[in-house]
Amino acid sequence: MRRSFLNYSIVTLKGMAMGAADVVPGVSGGTIAFISGIYEELIKTIDGLDIGVITTARKQGVKAAWREYNLSFLFALFLGIGISILTFAKIITYFLDNEPVILWSFFFGLVIASIVYITGQIEKWDWKNVTGLVVGAMVSYYITIAEPVTSPDSYWFIFFSGFIAIIAMILPGISGAFILLLLGSYHVVIGSINDLTAGAFSFNWDAVQKAASRLAVFAVGAILGIKLFSKVLTWMFEHYKGITLALLTGFMIGSLNKIWPWKEVLTTYTNSHGEEVPILEKSILPGQFEGDPQILSAVIAAVIGFLLIFLLEKLAVRKQGKI
């Protein structure tokens, strides 16, 4: 699919939005890809990427292989994701620690608008699609109330975490970051990202090497996971598109419990800096919230998140990337 430089710049911006969402436990980058019109193209491009790219590059040249396998799209998208994760990890962490109500309100509005937008893409609501919606909502809701476990930061477990988390990251409504929390690997991955950037700026190459090695193992697991799962999603879109859309919408509906702005902390864990961080919470009404509920600010943030979806929809490339 041919695009102009402006189109690729927009893809990069969408990648940055996906990366920012994936950093937050409870928000899925797949949701951003879905409502911004690039989800199906992303899945199909990853599914089509195989060893044949090397053969094509040898016989027809790198330029031909690059075009045939839609690598410009992947490069622009993952460039945005990478930039966002490296630059927004600390920002998102700050808002999670200092302005959680406003942050969750923004994403709550965003996901509500996403649900409205995606349900409009389902042509017929028969019993199969309704069943898919209900099953997706139940699975996603259960994930939001599951109790995380604590795990060692061994390389094999980091690999496994990358394999599982990437599947969640490309599923709308299921947060890869929250899956990492459930597995007990979230602080290891986020800590490695922060150690990598901090080590690079302070020229602490030992810290950079350790962080890079952990992230490389995580990346290998993620690449294998997304490659295998993309085949499943591609097949589902080709043969059961209505049910697939309903199932993914259900995932987002179930995830609303996790991103509800007002929470009561039930369980915490100690992160790598010795700080107590909440991991298991219960949704409560604003009036029951301990502290300032910030209702007005929360409403404004939710409205901004809601309206942002329509901006992303207008920026969507309305060809192969549009569902």
C-alpha atoms as a PDB file:
ATOM      1  CA  MET A   1       0.000   0.000   0.000  1.00  0.00           C
ATOM      2  CA  ARG A   2       1.596   3.255  -1.186  1.00  0.00           C
ATOM      3  CA  ARG A   3       1.542   6.204   1.173  1.00  0.00           C
ATOM      4  CA  SER A   4       2.926   9.714   1.116  1.00  0.00           C
ATOM      5  CA  PHE A   5       5.412  11.000   3.684  1.00  0.00           C
ATOM      6  CA  LEU A   6       2.511  12.702   5.480  1.00  0.00           C
ATOM      7  CA  ASN A   7       0.609   9.398   5.645  1.00  0.00           C
ATOM      8  CA  TYR A   8       3.619   7.637   7.160  1.00  0.00           C
ATOM      9  CA  SER A   9       4.025  10.485   9.646  1.00  0.00           C
ATOM     10  CA  ILE A  10       0.427   9.917  10.740  1.00  0.00           C
ATOM     11  CA  VAL A  11       1.148   6.189  11.105  1.00  0.00           C
ATOM     12  CA  THR A  12       4.086   7.099  13.354  1.00  0.00           C
ATOM     13  CA  LEU A  13       1.823   9.328  15.457  1.00  0.00           C
ATOM     14  CA  LYS A  14      -0.624   6.435  15.799  1.00  0.00           C
ATOM     15  CA  GLY A  15       2.300   4.256  16.864  1.00  0.00           C
ATOM     16  CA  MET A  16       3.190   6.823  19.516  1.00  0.00           C
ATOM     17  CA  ALA A  17      -0.395   6.703  20.776  1.00  0.00           C
ATOM     18  CA  MET A  18      -0.219   2.883  20.866  1.00  0.00           C
ATOM     19  CA  GLY A  19       3.068   2.979  22.775  1.00  0.00           C
ATOM     20  CA  ALA A  20       1.726   5.445  25.341  1.00  0.00           C
ATOM     21  CA  ALA A  21      -1.359   3.270  25.869  1.00  0.00           C
ATOM     22  CA  ASP A  22       0.658   0.062  26.212  1.00  0.00           C
ATOM     23  CA  VAL A  23       2.698   1.549  29.053  1.00  0.00           C
ATOM     24  CA  VAL A  24      -0.451   1.977  31.184  1.00  0.00           C
ATOM     25  CA  PRO A  25      -1.676  -1.142  33.020  1.00  0.00           C
ATOM     26  CA  GLY A  26      -5.318  -1.426  31.925  1.00  0.00           C
ATOM     27  CA  VAL A  27      -5.152   0.239  28.502  1.00  0.00           C
ATOM     28  CA  SER A  28      -4.446  -1.644  25.277  1.00  0.00           C
ATOM     29  CA  GLY A  29      -2.413  -0.346  22.362  1.00  0.00           C
ATOM     30  CA  GLY A  30      -4.579  -2.661  20.261  1.00  0.00           C
ATOM     31  CA  THR A  31      -7.526  -0.405  21.061  1.00  0.00           C
ATOM     32  CA  ILE A  32      -5.691   2.565  19.550  1.00  0.00           C
ATOM     33  CA  ALA A  33      -4.757   0.557  16.456  1.00  0.00           C
ATOM     34  CA  PHE A  34      -8.324  -0.655  16.110  1.00  0.00           C
ATOM     35  CA  ILE A  35     -10.093   2.689  16.227  1.00  0.00           C
ATOM     36  CA  SER A  36      -7.402   4.537  14.242  1.00  0.00           C
ATOM     37  CA  GLY A  37      -7.975   2.292  11.232  1.00  0.00           C
ATOM     38  CA  ILE A  38      -4.718   0.339  11.069  1.00  0.00           C
ATOM     39  CA  TYR A  39      -5.527  -2.793  13.084  1.00  0.00           C
ATOM     40  CA  GLU A  40      -6.332  -5.218  10.291  1.00  0.00           C
ATOM     41  CA  GLU A  41      -3.434  -4.000   8.145  1.00  0.00           C
ATOM     42  CA  LEU A  42      -1.075  -4.444  11.105  1.00  0.00           C
ATOM     43  CA  ILE A  43      -2.219  -8.025  11.729  1.00  0.00           C
ATOM     44  CA  LYS A  44      -2.072  -8.999   8.047  1.00  0.00           C
ATOM     45  CA  THR A  45       1.338  -7.385   7.547  1.00  0.00           C
ATOM     46  CA  ILE A  46       2.821  -9.230  10.526  1.00  0.00           C
ATOM     47  CA  ASP A  47       1.198 -12.486   9.410  1.00  0.00           C
ATOM     48  CA  GLY A  48       2.689 -12.116   5.917  1.00  0.00           C
ATOM     49  CA  LEU A  49       6.188 -11.405   7.203  1.00  0.00           C
ATOM     50  CA  ASP A  50       8.281 -14.569   6.876  1.00  0.00           C
ATOM     51  CA  ILE A  51      11.649 -15.877   5.731  1.00  0.00           C
ATOM     52  CA  GLY A  52      10.588 -15.117   2.166  1.00  0.00           C
ATOM     53  CA  VAL A  53      11.567 -11.491   2.714  1.00  0.00           C
ATOM     54  CA  ILE A  54      15.227 -12.564   2.582  1.00  0.00           C
ATOM     55  CA  THR A  55      14.696 -14.542  -0.626  1.00  0.00           C
ATOM     56  CA  THR A  56      12.904 -11.631  -2.264  1.00  0.00           C
ATOM     57  CA  ALA A  57      15.633  -9.225  -1.183  1.00  0.00           C
ATOM     58  CA  ARG A  58      18.307 -11.461  -2.747  1.00  0.00           C
ATOM     59  CA  LYS A  59      16.482 -12.021  -6.046  1.00  0.00           C
ATOM     60  CA  GLN A  60      14.691  -8.715  -6.581  1.00  0.00           C
ATOM     61  CA  GLY A  61      16.533  -6.333  -4.270  1.00  0.00           C
ATOM     62  CA  VAL A  62      15.910  -4.819  -0.868  1.00  0.00           C
ATOM     63  CA  LYS A  63      13.609  -2.142  -2.294  1.00  0.00           C
ATOM     64  CA  ALA A  64      11.291  -4.738  -3.829  1.00  0.00           C
ATOM     65  CA  ALA A  65      11.188  -6.783  -0.628  1.00  0.00           C
ATOM     66  CA  TRP A  66      10.577  -3.657   1.425  1.00  0.00           C
ATOM     67  CA  ARG A  67       7.598  -2.752  -0.763  1.00  0.00           C
ATOM     68  CA  GLU A  68       6.166  -6.282  -1.074  1.00  0.00           C
ATOM     69  CA  TYR A  69       6.147  -6.917   2.681  1.00  0.00           C
ATOM     70  CA  ASN A  70       4.831  -3.445   3.577  1.00  0.00           C
ATOM     71  CA  LEU A  71       7.884  -2.782   5.736  1.00  0.00           C
ATOM     72  CA  SER A  72       7.568   1.002   5.470  1.00  0.00           C
ATOM     73  CA  PHE A  73       4.284   0.727   7.366  1.00  0.00           C
ATOM     74  CA  LEU A  74       5.820  -1.467  10.087  1.00  0.00           C
ATOM     75  CA  PHE A  75       8.879   0.768  10.358  1.00  0.00           C
ATOM     76  CA  ALA A  76       6.792   3.936  10.731  1.00  0.00           C
ATOM     77  CA  LEU A  77       4.462   2.298  13.258  1.00  0.00           C
ATOM     78  CA  PHE A  78       7.127   0.669  15.447  1.00  0.00           C
ATOM     79  CA  LEU A  79       9.243   3.826  15.275  1.00  0.00           C
ATOM     80  CA  GLY A  80       6.340   5.656  16.886  1.00  0.00           C
ATOM     81  CA  ILE A  81       5.807   2.898  19.459  1.00  0.00           C
ATOM     82  CA  GLY A  82       9.503   2.875  20.360  1.00  0.00           C
ATOM     83  CA  ILE A  83       9.731   6.654  20.662  1.00  0.00           C
ATOM     84  CA  SER A  84       6.620   6.732  22.811  1.00  0.00           C
ATOM     85  CA  ILE A  85       7.708   3.968  25.188  1.00  0.00           C
ATOM     86  CA  LEU A  86      11.151   5.493  25.691  1.00  0.00           C
ATOM     87  CA  THR A  87       9.850   9.035  26.197  1.00  0.00           C
ATOM     88  CA  PHE A  88       6.483   8.475  27.878  1.00  0.00           C
ATOM     89  CA  ALA A  89       7.390   5.726  30.348  1.00  0.00           C
ATOM     90  CA  LYS A  90       8.416   8.279  32.978  1.00  0.00           C
ATOM     91  CA  ILE A  91       5.537  10.645  32.133  1.00  0.00           C
ATOM     92  CA  ILE A  92       2.922   7.915  32.419  1.00  0.00           C
ATOM     93  CA  THR A  93       4.519   6.715  35.645  1.00  0.00           C
ATOM     94  CA  TYR A  94       4.309  10.268  36.992  1.00  0.00           C
ATOM     95  CA  PHE A  95       0.588  10.562  36.209  1.00  0.00           C
ATOM     96  CA  LEU A  96      -0.112   7.104  37.623  1.00  0.00           C
ATOM     97  CA  ASP A  97       1.573   8.182  40.866  1.00  0.00           C
ATOM     98  CA  ASN A  98       0.322  11.774  41.102  1.00  0.00           C
ATOM     99  CA  GLU A  99      -2.827  12.218  38.975  1.00  0.00           C
ATOM    100  CA  PRO A 100      -4.354   8.746  38.639  1.00  0.00           C
ATOM    101  CA  VAL A 101      -7.996   9.921  38.534  1.00  0.00           C
ATOM    102  CA  ILE A 102      -7.375  12.275  35.623  1.00  0.00           C
ATOM    103  CA  LEU A 103      -5.280   9.717  33.729  1.00  0.00           C
ATOM    104  CA  TRP A 104      -7.825   6.907  34.145  1.00  0.00           C
ATOM    105  CA  SER A 105     -10.690   9.282  33.276  1.00  0.00           C
ATOM    106  CA  PHE A 106      -8.995  10.186  30.012  1.00  0.00           C
ATOM    107  CA  PHE A 107      -8.581   6.545  29.035  1.00  0.00           C
ATOM    108  CA  PHE A 108     -12.100   5.691  30.230  1.00  0.00           C
ATOM    109  CA  GLY A 109     -13.547   8.275  27.835  1.00  0.00           C
ATOM    110  CA  LEU A 110     -11.285   7.005  25.085  1.00  0.00           C
ATOM    111  CA  VAL A 111     -12.381   3.380  25.503  1.00  0.00           C
ATOM    112  CA  ILE A 112     -16.100   4.319  25.739  1.00  0.00           C
ATOM    113  CA  ALA A 113     -15.824   6.137  22.410  1.00  0.00           C
ATOM    114  CA  SER A 114     -13.904   3.175  20.975  1.00  0.00           C
ATOM    115  CA  ILE A 115     -16.723   0.812  21.945  1.00  0.00           C
ATOM    116  CA  VAL A 116     -19.287   3.089  20.286  1.00  0.00           C
ATOM    117  CA  TYR A 117     -17.146   3.365  17.168  1.00  0.00           C
ATOM    118  CA  ILE A 118     -16.399  -0.339  16.775  1.00  0.00           C
ATOM    119  CA  THR A 119     -19.932  -1.593  17.467  1.00  0.00           C
ATOM    120  CA  GLY A 120     -20.968   0.544  14.523  1.00  0.00           C
ATOM    121  CA  GLN A 121     -18.754  -1.624  12.298  1.00  0.00           C
ATOM    122  CA  ILE A 122     -20.737  -4.794  13.118  1.00  0.00           C
ATOM    123  CA  GLU A 123     -23.351  -5.221  10.401  1.00  0.00           C
ATOM    124  CA  LYS A 124     -25.670  -7.689  12.141  1.00  0.00           C
ATOM    125  CA  TRP A 125     -26.258  -8.536  15.793  1.00  0.00           C
ATOM    126  CA  ASP A 126     -27.250 -12.198  15.696  1.00  0.00           C
ATOM    127  CA  TRP A 127     -26.873 -14.692  18.563  1.00  0.00           C
ATOM    128  CA  LYS A 128     -23.312 -15.580  17.494  1.00  0.00           C
ATOM    129  CA  ASN A 129     -22.099 -11.992  17.636  1.00  0.00           C
ATOM    130  CA  VAL A 130     -23.911 -11.351  20.924  1.00  0.00           C
ATOM    131  CA  THR A 131     -22.304 -14.495  22.364  1.00  0.00           C
ATOM    132  CA  GLY A 132     -18.877 -13.295  21.208  1.00  0.00           C
ATOM    133  CA  LEU A 133     -19.498  -9.916  22.854  1.00  0.00           C
ATOM    134  CA  VAL A 134     -20.533 -11.500  26.166  1.00  0.00           C
ATOM    135  CA  VAL A 135     -17.640 -13.997  26.190  1.00  0.00           C
ATOM    136  CA  GLY A 136     -15.112 -11.264  25.409  1.00  0.00           C
ATOM    137  CA  ALA A 137     -16.504  -9.034  28.167  1.00  0.00           C
ATOM    138  CA  MET A 138     -16.450 -11.860  30.730  1.00  0.00           C
ATOM    139  CA  VAL A 139     -12.864 -12.890  29.893  1.00  0.00           C
ATOM    140  CA  SER A 140     -11.604  -9.308  29.977  1.00  0.00           C
ATOM    141  CA  TYR A 141     -13.444  -8.531  33.226  1.00  0.00           C
ATOM    142  CA  TYR A 142     -12.004 -11.631  34.889  1.00  0.00           C
ATOM    143  CA  ILE A 143      -8.495 -10.531  33.905  1.00  0.00           C
ATOM    144  CA  THR A 144      -9.103  -7.148  35.585  1.00  0.00           C
ATOM    145  CA  ILE A 145      -9.979  -8.784  38.918  1.00  0.00           C
ATOM    146  CA  ALA A 146      -7.356 -11.548  38.817  1.00  0.00           C
ATOM    147  CA  GLU A 147      -4.708 -11.329  41.501  1.00  0.00           C
ATOM    148  CA  PRO A 148      -1.182 -10.778  40.182  1.00  0.00           C
ATOM    149  CA  VAL A 149       1.668 -13.061  41.130  1.00  0.00           C
ATOM    150  CA  THR A 150       5.256 -12.294  42.033  1.00  0.00           C
ATOM    151  CA  SER A 151       7.895 -13.828  39.806  1.00  0.00           C
ATOM    152  CA  PRO A 152      11.687 -13.802  39.506  1.00  0.00           C
ATOM    153  CA  ASP A 153      13.256 -11.644  36.816  1.00  0.00           C
ATOM    154  CA  SER A 154      14.992 -14.614  35.202  1.00  0.00           C
ATOM    155  CA  TYR A 155      15.555 -14.490  31.436  1.00  0.00           C
ATOM    156  CA  TRP A 156      13.268 -17.422  30.656  1.00  0.00           C
ATOM    157  CA  PHE A 157      10.392 -15.747  32.508  1.00  0.00           C
ATOM    158  CA  ILE A 158      11.087 -12.406  30.805  1.00  0.00           C
ATOM    159  CA  PHE A 159      10.911 -14.266  27.478  1.00  0.00           C
ATOM    160  CA  PHE A 160       7.601 -15.893  28.489  1.00  0.00           C
ATOM    161  CA  SER A 161       6.242 -12.534  29.654  1.00  0.00           C
ATOM    162  CA  GLY A 162       7.049 -10.946  26.302  1.00  0.00           C
ATOM    163  CA  PHE A 163       5.359 -13.840  24.468  1.00  0.00           C
ATOM    164  CA  ILE A 164       2.128 -13.498  26.476  1.00  0.00           C
ATOM    165  CA  ALA A 165       2.048  -9.714  26.876  1.00  0.00           C
ATOM    166  CA  ILE A 166       2.395  -8.961  23.169  1.00  0.00           C
ATOM    167  CA  ILE A 167      -0.712 -11.046  22.462  1.00  0.00           C
ATOM    168  CA  ALA A 168      -2.634  -8.904  24.940  1.00  0.00           C
ATOM    169  CA  MET A 169      -1.111  -5.701  23.589  1.00  0.00           C
ATOM    170  CA  ILE A 170      -2.586  -6.294  20.116  1.00  0.00           C
ATOM    171  CA  LEU A 171      -5.990  -7.315  21.484  1.00  0.00           C
ATOM    172  CA  PRO A 172      -8.264  -4.290  21.959  1.00  0.00           C
ATOM    173  CA  GLY A 173      -9.391  -4.047  25.573  1.00  0.00           C
ATOM    174  CA  ILE A 174      -6.800  -6.418  27.038  1.00  0.00           C
ATOM    175  CA  SER A 175      -3.829  -4.541  28.418  1.00  0.00           C
ATOM    176  CA  GLY A 176      -0.413  -6.025  27.814  1.00  0.00           C
ATOM    177  CA  ALA A 177       0.939  -3.895  30.665  1.00  0.00           C
ATOM    178  CA  PHE A 178      -1.682  -5.310  33.022  1.00  0.00           C
ATOM    179  CA  ILE A 179      -0.838  -8.850  31.885  1.00  0.00           C
ATOM    180  CA  LEU A 180       2.749  -8.063  32.859  1.00  0.00           C
ATOM    181  CA  LEU A 181       1.447  -6.994  36.260  1.00  0.00           C
ATOM    182  CA  LEU A 182      -0.445 -10.264  36.597  1.00  0.00           C
ATOM    183  CA  LEU A 183       2.715 -12.161  35.717  1.00  0.00           C
ATOM    184  CA  GLY A 184       4.769 -10.037  38.114  1.00  0.00           C
ATOM    185  CA  SER A 185       7.034  -8.737  35.339  1.00  0.00           C
ATOM    186  CA  TYR A 186       5.753  -5.184  34.914  1.00  0.00           C
ATOM    187  CA  HIS A 187       8.296  -3.543  37.219  1.00  0.00           C
ATOM    188  CA  VAL A 188      11.120  -5.522  35.576  1.00  0.00           C
ATOM    189  CA  VAL A 189      10.215  -4.340  32.055  1.00  0.00           C
ATOM    190  CA  ILE A 190       9.412  -0.718  32.939  1.00  0.00           C
ATOM    191  CA  GLY A 191      12.455  -0.595  35.212  1.00  0.00           C
ATOM    192  CA  SER A 192      14.637  -1.880  32.366  1.00  0.00           C
ATOM    193  CA  ILE A 193      13.300   0.812  30.022  1.00  0.00           C
ATOM    194  CA  ASN A 194      13.982   3.540  32.576  1.00  0.00           C
ATOM    195  CA  ASP A 195      17.435   2.046  33.394  1.00  0.00           C
ATOM    196  CA  LEU A 196      18.294   1.985  29.686  1.00  0.00           C
ATOM    197  CA  THR A 197      17.513   5.651  29.132  1.00  0.00           C
ATOM    198  CA  ALA A 198      19.004   6.781  32.449  1.00  0.00           C
ATOM    199  CA  GLY A 199      22.146   4.719  31.872  1.00  0.00           C
ATOM    200  CA  ALA A 200      22.582   6.119  28.362  1.00  0.00           C
ATOM    201  CA  PHE A 201      22.293   9.729  29.558  1.00  0.00           C
ATOM    202  CA  SER A 202      24.679   9.126  32.472  1.00  0.00           C
ATOM    203  CA  PHE A 203      27.094   7.015  30.347  1.00  0.00           C
ATOM    204  CA  ASN A 204      26.639   4.070  32.714  1.00  0.00           C
ATOM    205  CA  TRP A 205      27.257   1.382  30.101  1.00  0.00           C
ATOM    206  CA  ASP A 206      27.050  -1.464  32.596  1.00  0.00           C
ATOM    207  CA  ALA A 207      23.481  -0.467  33.438  1.00  0.00           C
ATOM    208  CA  VAL A 208      22.730  -0.025  29.728  1.00  0.00           C
ATOM    209  CA  GLN A 209      24.047  -3.509  28.941  1.00  0.00           C
ATOM    210  CA  LYS A 210      21.998  -5.190  31.680  1.00  0.00           C
ATOM    211  CA  ALA A 211      18.829  -3.333  30.741  1.00  0.00           C
ATOM    212  CA  ALA A 212      19.344  -3.940  27.031  1.00  0.00           C
ATOM    213  CA  SER A 213      19.860  -7.670  27.552  1.00  0.00           C
ATOM    214  CA  ARG A 214      16.606  -7.987  29.496  1.00  0.00           C
ATOM    215  CA  LEU A 215      14.698  -5.961  26.910  1.00  0.00           C
ATOM    216  CA  ALA A 216      16.221  -7.990  24.054  1.00  0.00           C
ATOM    217  CA  VAL A 217      15.012 -11.256  25.606  1.00  0.00           C
ATOM    218  CA  PHE A 218      11.583  -9.696  26.143  1.00  0.00           C
ATOM    219  CA  ALA A 219      11.552  -8.530  22.514  1.00  0.00           C
ATOM    220  CA  VAL A 220      12.378 -12.006  21.171  1.00  0.00           C
ATOM    221  CA  GLY A 221       9.450 -13.455  23.125  1.00  0.00           C
ATOM    222  CA  ALA A 222       7.194 -10.668  21.896  1.00  0.00           C
ATOM    223  CA  ILE A 223       8.197 -11.185  18.252  1.00  0.00           C
ATOM    224  CA  LEU A 224       7.493 -14.907  18.436  1.00  0.00           C
ATOM    225  CA  GLY A 225       4.177 -14.321  20.210  1.00  0.00           C
ATOM    226  CA  ILE A 226       2.882 -11.680  17.803  1.00  0.00           C
ATOM    227  CA  LYS A 227       3.935 -13.717  14.778  1.00  0.00           C
ATOM    228  CA  LEU A 228       2.069 -16.831  15.915  1.00  0.00           C
ATOM    229  CA  PHE A 229      -1.023 -14.980  17.132  1.00  0.00           C
ATOM    230  CA  SER A 230      -1.298 -12.790  14.027  1.00  0.00           C
ATOM    231  CA  LYS A 231      -2.076 -15.921  12.010  1.00  0.00           C
ATOM    232  CA  VAL A 232      -5.004 -16.703  14.301  1.00  0.00           C
ATOM    233  CA  LEU A 233      -6.398 -13.175  14.067  1.00  0.00           C
ATOM    234  CA  THR A 234      -5.948 -13.028  10.281  1.00  0.00           C
ATOM    235  CA  TRP A 235      -7.876 -16.277   9.896  1.00  0.00           C
ATOM    236  CA  MET A 236     -10.634 -15.039  12.208  1.00  0.00           C
ATOM    237  CA  PHE A 237     -11.022 -11.760  10.303  1.00  0.00           C
ATOM    238  CA  GLU A 238     -11.200 -13.611   6.984  1.00  0.00           C
ATOM    239  CA  HIS A 239     -13.746 -16.246   8.078  1.00  0.00           C
ATOM    240  CA  TYR A 240     -15.611 -14.815  11.091  1.00  0.00           C
ATOM    241  CA  LYS A 241     -15.230 -11.059  10.932  1.00  0.00           C
ATOM    242  CA  GLY A 242     -18.531 -10.233  12.680  1.00  0.00           C
ATOM    243  CA  ILE A 243     -17.845 -12.528  15.619  1.00  0.00           C
ATOM    244  CA  THR A 244     -14.250 -11.305  15.819  1.00  0.00           C
ATOM    245  CA  LEU A 245     -15.346  -7.656  15.986  1.00  0.00           C
ATOM    246  CA  ALA A 246     -17.941  -8.528  18.642  1.00  0.00           C
ATOM    247  CA  LEU A 247     -15.371 -10.482  20.667  1.00  0.00           C
ATOM    248  CA  LEU A 248     -12.865  -7.627  20.545  1.00  0.00           C
ATOM    249  CA  THR A 249     -15.594  -5.152  21.519  1.00  0.00           C
ATOM    250  CA  GLY A 250     -16.414  -7.392  24.482  1.00  0.00           C
ATOM    251  CA  PHE A 251     -12.772  -7.282  25.528  1.00  0.00           C
ATOM    252  CA  MET A 252     -12.974  -3.486  25.681  1.00  0.00           C
ATOM    253  CA  ILE A 253     -16.257  -3.511  27.623  1.00  0.00           C
ATOM    254  CA  GLY A 254     -14.775  -5.846  30.233  1.00  0.00           C
ATOM    255  CA  SER A 255     -11.673  -3.686  30.543  1.00  0.00           C
ATOM    256  CA  LEU A 256     -13.740  -0.696  31.717  1.00  0.00           C
ATOM    257  CA  ASN A 257     -13.622  -2.115  35.243  1.00  0.00           C
ATOM    258  CA  LYS A 258      -9.837  -1.763  35.290  1.00  0.00           C
ATOM    259  CA  ILE A 259      -9.760   1.813  34.002  1.00  0.00           C
ATOM    260  CA  TRP A 260     -12.615   3.166  36.155  1.00  0.00           C
ATOM    261  CA  PRO A 261     -11.054   6.295  37.720  1.00  0.00           C
ATOM    262  CA  TRP A 262     -12.103   5.784  41.345  1.00  0.00           C
ATOM    263  CA  LYS A 263     -10.566   2.788  43.099  1.00  0.00           C
ATOM    264  CA  GLU A 264     -10.097   1.253  46.507  1.00  0.00           C
ATOM    265  CA  VAL A 265      -6.706  -0.425  46.864  1.00  0.00           C
ATOM    266  CA  LEU A 266      -6.925  -4.064  47.982  1.00  0.00           C
ATOM    267  CA  THR A 267      -3.405  -5.351  47.324  1.00  0.00           C
ATOM    268  CA  THR A 268      -0.023  -3.709  46.757  1.00  0.00           C
ATOM    269  CA  TYR A 269       3.470  -4.837  45.824  1.00  0.00           C
ATOM    270  CA  THR A 270       6.901  -3.365  46.466  1.00  0.00           C
ATOM    271  CA  ASN A 271       8.601  -2.196  43.275  1.00  0.00           C
ATOM    272  CA  SER A 272      12.328  -2.058  42.513  1.00  0.00           C
ATOM    273  CA  HIS A 273      12.599   1.307  44.310  1.00  0.00           C
ATOM    274  CA  GLY A 274      11.042   0.004  47.511  1.00  0.00           C
ATOM    275  CA  GLU A 275       7.746   1.810  46.897  1.00  0.00           C
ATOM    276  CA  GLU A 276       4.302   0.324  47.597  1.00  0.00           C
ATOM    277  CA  VAL A 277       2.383   0.157  44.304  1.00  0.00           C
ATOM    278  CA  PRO A 278      -1.301  -0.911  44.014  1.00  0.00           C
ATOM    279  CA  ILE A 279      -1.982  -3.915  41.798  1.00  0.00           C
ATOM    280  CA  LEU A 280      -5.396  -5.202  42.900  1.00  0.00           C
ATOM    281  CA  GLU A 281      -8.138  -2.605  43.241  1.00  0.00           C
ATOM    282  CA  LYS A 282     -11.925  -2.405  43.481  1.00  0.00           C
ATOM    283  CA  SER A 283     -14.048   0.090  41.533  1.00  0.00           C
ATOM    284  CA  ILE A 284     -16.047   2.410  43.803  1.00  0.00           C
ATOM    285  CA  LEU A 285     -18.289   5.456  43.453  1.00  0.00           C
ATOM    286  CA  PRO A 286     -16.667   8.935  43.534  1.00  0.00           C
ATOM    287  CA  GLY A 287     -18.350   9.648  46.874  1.00  0.00           C
ATOM    288  CA  GLN A 288     -16.628   6.627  48.424  1.00  0.00           C
ATOM    289  CA  PHE A 289     -13.209   7.627  47.136  1.00  0.00           C
ATOM    290  CA  GLU A 290     -10.584   8.332  49.765  1.00  0.00           C
ATOM    291  CA  GLY A 291      -9.297  11.783  48.907  1.00  0.00           C
ATOM    292  CA  ASP A 292     -10.378  14.405  46.379  1.00  0.00           C
ATOM    293  CA  PRO A 293     -12.511  12.688  43.675  1.00  0.00           C
ATOM    294  CA  GLN A 294     -11.738  15.543  41.212  1.00  0.00           C
ATOM    295  CA  ILE A 295     -15.085  15.012  39.525  1.00  0.00           C
ATOM    296  CA  LEU A 296     -14.964  18.091  37.264  1.00  0.00           C
ATOM    297  CA  SER A 297     -11.396  17.389  36.131  1.00  0.00           C
ATOM    298  CA  ALA A 298     -12.299  13.732  35.597  1.00  0.00           C
ATOM    299  CA  VAL A 299     -15.286  14.643  33.415  1.00  0.00           C
ATOM    300  CA  ILE A 300     -13.173  17.038  31.332  1.00  0.00           C
ATOM    301  CA  ALA A 301     -10.438  14.424  30.882  1.00  0.00           C
ATOM    302  CA  ALA A 302     -13.008  11.783  29.877  1.00  0.00           C
ATOM    303  CA  VAL A 303     -14.599  14.138  27.328  1.00  0.00           C
ATOM    304  CA  ILE A 304     -11.170  14.888  25.847  1.00  0.00           C
ATOM    305  CA  GLY A 305     -10.457  11.162  25.577  1.00  0.00           C
ATOM    306  CA  PHE A 306     -13.877  10.576  24.017  1.00  0.00           C
ATOM    307  CA  LEU A 307     -13.443  13.330  21.412  1.00  0.00           C
ATOM    308  CA  LEU A 308      -9.910  12.198  20.599  1.00  0.00           C
ATOM    309  CA  ILE A 309     -11.327   9.037  19.024  1.00  0.00           C
ATOM    310  CA  PHE A 310     -13.167  11.049  16.415  1.00  0.00           C
ATOM    311  CA  LEU A 311      -9.977  12.945  15.609  1.00  0.00           C
ATOM    312  CA  LEU A 312      -8.129   9.639  15.173  1.00  0.00           C
ATOM    313  CA  GLU A 313     -10.962   8.344  12.999  1.00  0.00           C
ATOM    314  CA  LYS A 314     -10.637  11.358  10.696  1.00  0.00           C
ATOM    315  CA  LEU A 315      -6.881  10.816  10.459  1.00  0.00           C
ATOM    316  CA  ALA A 316      -7.351   7.123   9.629  1.00  0.00           C
ATOM    317  CA  VAL A 317      -6.228   5.963   6.188  1.00  0.00           C
ATOM    318  CA  ARG A 318      -9.565   4.895   4.661  1.00  0.00           C
ATOM    319  CA  LYS A 319      -8.406   2.050   2.457  1.00  0.00           C
ATOM    320  CA  GLN A 320      -6.919  -1.232   3.511  1.00  0.00           C
ATOM    321  CA  GLY A 321      -6.271   0.092   6.989  1.00  0.00           C
ATOM    322  CA  LYS A 322      -9.933   0.917   7.641  1.00  0.00           C
ATOM    323  CA  ILE A 323     -12.154  -1.802   9.086  1.00  0.00           C
END
